[in-house]
C-alpha atoms as a PDB file:
ATOM      1  CA  MET A   1     105.069 107.167  84.646  1.00  0.00           C
ATOM      2  CA  HIS A   2     108.458 105.721  85.481  1.00  0.00           C
ATOM      3  CA  GLU A   3     108.497 103.415  82.484  1.00  0.00           C
ATOM      4  CA  ARG A   4     107.202 106.143  80.174  1.00  0.00           C
ATOM      5  CA  TYR A   5     109.693 108.852  81.192  1.00  0.00           C
ATOM      6  CA  LYS A   6     112.753 107.170  82.714  1.00  0.00           C
ATOM      7  CA  ASP A   7     114.759 107.582  79.505  1.00  0.00           C
ATOM      8  CA  LYS A   8     114.055 111.323  79.623  1.00  0.00           C
ATOM      9  CA  GLY A   9     115.447 111.633  83.145  1.00  0.00           C
ATOM     10  CA  LEU A  10     112.529 110.841  85.460  1.00  0.00           C
ATOM     11  CA  SER A  11     113.501 109.021  88.623  1.00  0.00           C
ATOM     12  CA  ILE A  12     110.889 107.775  91.031  1.00  0.00           C
ATOM     13  CA  ILE A  13     111.704 106.954  94.616  1.00  0.00           C
ATOM     14  CA  ALA A  14     108.927 105.687  96.836  1.00  0.00           C
ATOM     15  CA  VAL A  15     109.455 105.975 100.568  1.00  0.00           C
ATOM     16  CA  SER A  16     107.745 103.525 102.884  1.00  0.00           C
ATOM     17  CA  VAL A  17     107.245 104.588 106.481  1.00  0.00           C
ATOM     18  CA  ASP A  18     106.083 101.123 107.546  1.00  0.00           C
ATOM     19  CA  LYS A  19     107.820  99.994 110.706  1.00  0.00           C
ATOM     20  CA  LYS A  20     108.224  96.453 109.391  1.00  0.00           C
ATOM     21  CA  ARG A  21     110.407  95.889 106.334  1.00  0.00           C
ATOM     22  CA  GLY A  22     108.440  92.693 105.634  1.00  0.00           C
ATOM     23  CA  LEU A  23     105.458  94.783 104.514  1.00  0.00           C
ATOM     24  CA  ILE A  24     107.598  96.353 101.813  1.00  0.00           C
ATOM     25  CA  LYS A  25     108.762  92.937 100.682  1.00  0.00           C
ATOM     26  CA  GLN A  26     105.159  91.723 100.410  1.00  0.00           C
ATOM     27  CA  PHE A  27     104.217  94.781  98.386  1.00  0.00           C
ATOM     28  CA  THR A  28     107.151  94.480  95.996  1.00  0.00           C
ATOM     29  CA  GLN A  29     106.513  90.796  95.432  1.00  0.00           C
ATOM     30  CA  LYS A  30     102.931  91.571  94.380  1.00  0.00           C
ATOM     31  CA  THR A  31     103.569  94.679  92.302  1.00  0.00           C
ATOM     32  CA  GLU A  32     107.151  94.212  91.050  1.00  0.00           C
ATOM     33  CA  PRO A  33     107.889  97.952  90.875  1.00  0.00           C
ATOM     34  CA  THR A  34     110.546  99.185  88.465  1.00  0.00           C
ATOM     35  CA  PHE A  35     111.556 102.058  90.709  1.00  0.00           C
ATOM     36  CA  ILE A  36     113.329 102.368  94.048  1.00  0.00           C
ATOM     37  CA  ILE A  37     111.405 101.822  97.279  1.00  0.00           C
ATOM     38  CA  ALA A  38     113.269 103.185 100.276  1.00  0.00           C
ATOM     39  CA  HIS A  39     112.501 102.287 103.878  1.00  0.00           C
ATOM     40  CA  ASP A  40     112.157 105.072 106.448  1.00  0.00           C
ATOM     41  CA  PRO A  41     110.675 103.525 109.599  1.00  0.00           C
ATOM     42  CA  THR A  42     111.602 106.589 111.691  1.00  0.00           C
ATOM     43  CA  GLY A  43     109.676 108.980 109.444  1.00  0.00           C
ATOM     44  CA  LYS A  44     112.576 111.410 108.944  1.00  0.00           C
ATOM     45  CA  VAL A  45     111.796 111.883 105.259  1.00  0.00           C
ATOM     46  CA  ALA A  46     108.099 112.405 105.996  1.00  0.00           C
ATOM     47  CA  LYS A  47     108.989 115.097 108.542  1.00  0.00           C
ATOM     48  CA  ALA A  48     111.457 116.767 106.198  1.00  0.00           C
ATOM     49  CA  TYR A  49     108.792 117.122 103.512  1.00  0.00           C
ATOM     50  CA  GLY A  50     105.950 118.004 105.880  1.00  0.00           C
ATOM     51  CA  LEU A  51     103.934 114.938 104.922  1.00  0.00           C
ATOM     52  CA  ARG A  52     100.246 115.531 105.627  1.00  0.00           C
ATOM     53  CA  GLY A  53      98.740 112.413 104.083  1.00  0.00           C
ATOM     54  CA  MET A  54      99.502 109.357 102.037  1.00  0.00           C
ATOM     55  CA  PRO A  55     100.119 108.831  99.312  1.00  0.00           C
ATOM     56  CA  SER A  56     101.838 112.105  98.524  1.00  0.00           C
ATOM     57  CA  THR A  57     103.809 113.063  95.458  1.00  0.00           C
ATOM     58  CA  TYR A  58     106.720 115.470  95.403  1.00  0.00           C
ATOM     59  CA  LEU A  59     108.208 116.581  92.102  1.00  0.00           C
ATOM     60  CA  ILE A  60     111.770 117.777  92.439  1.00  0.00           C
ATOM     61  CA  ASP A  61     113.524 119.442  89.527  1.00  0.00           C
ATOM     62  CA  ARG A  62     117.004 118.692  88.202  1.00  0.00           C
ATOM     63  CA  ASN A  63     118.434 121.306  90.592  1.00  0.00           C
ATOM     64  CA  GLY A  64     116.990 119.580  93.640  1.00  0.00           C
ATOM     65  CA  GLN A  65     114.226 122.148  94.164  1.00  0.00           C
ATOM     66  CA  LEU A  66     110.783 120.996  95.264  1.00  0.00           C
ATOM     67  CA  VAL A  67     108.363 122.345  92.650  1.00  0.00           C
ATOM     68  CA  VAL A  68     105.125 120.370  93.037  1.00  0.00           C
ATOM     69  CA  THR A  69     103.459 118.781  96.050  1.00  0.00           C
ATOM     70  CA  HIS A  70     100.358 116.668  95.563  1.00  0.00           C
ATOM     71  CA  MET A  71      98.490 114.740  98.246  1.00  0.00           C
ATOM     72  CA  GLY A  72      96.367 111.692  97.545  1.00  0.00           C
ATOM     73  CA  PHE A  73      95.743 109.724  94.400  1.00  0.00           C
ATOM     74  CA  ARG A  74      92.755 110.348  92.215  1.00  0.00           C
ATOM     75  CA  THR A  75      92.570 109.188  88.612  1.00  0.00           C
ATOM     76  CA  LYS A  76      91.318 112.646  87.618  1.00  0.00           C
ATOM     77  CA  ASP A  77      94.639 114.154  88.801  1.00  0.00           C
ATOM     78  CA  LYS A  78      96.793 111.933  86.590  1.00  0.00           C
ATOM     79  CA  ASP A  79      96.812 114.215  83.542  1.00  0.00           C
ATOM     80  CA  LYS A  80      97.741 117.277  85.600  1.00  0.00           C
ATOM     81  CA  LEU A  81     100.625 115.432  87.286  1.00  0.00           C
ATOM     82  CA  GLU A  82     101.824 114.026  83.994  1.00  0.00           C
ATOM     83  CA  ALA A  83     101.819 117.511  82.458  1.00  0.00           C
ATOM     84  CA  ALA A  84     103.905 118.770  85.389  1.00  0.00           C
ATOM     85  CA  ILE A  85     106.361 115.905  84.891  1.00  0.00           C
ATOM     86  CA  GLN A  86     106.608 116.599  81.159  1.00  0.00           C
ATOM     87  CA  SER A  87     107.205 120.286  81.820  1.00  0.00           C
ATOM     88  CA  LEU A  88     110.019 119.568  84.261  1.00  0.00           C
ATOM     89  CA  LEU A  89     111.655 117.061  81.932  1.00  0.00           C
ATOM     90  CA  GLU A  90     111.688 119.631  79.120  1.00  0.00           C
ATOM     91  CA  LYS A  91     113.709 122.083  81.200  1.00  0.00           C
END
């Protein structure tokens, strides 16, 4: 999604709540993500967003308003999430 929509304004920030930064490094070496991965070992971001499970997706509009919350990752949900992203980018 990041590669497909970054030129239209999509920014993706992943937040790792792993206590050990080394786990993030291992992950990024394997996957080579093209988006930001932040480290939040204290879980402040998770608390702020009321994280109930991982992975979770939060779509925030250009005004900083949370508009979509989605928990989990299922291939069948991809189209719905992509449509939500497209809709937000058109605004």
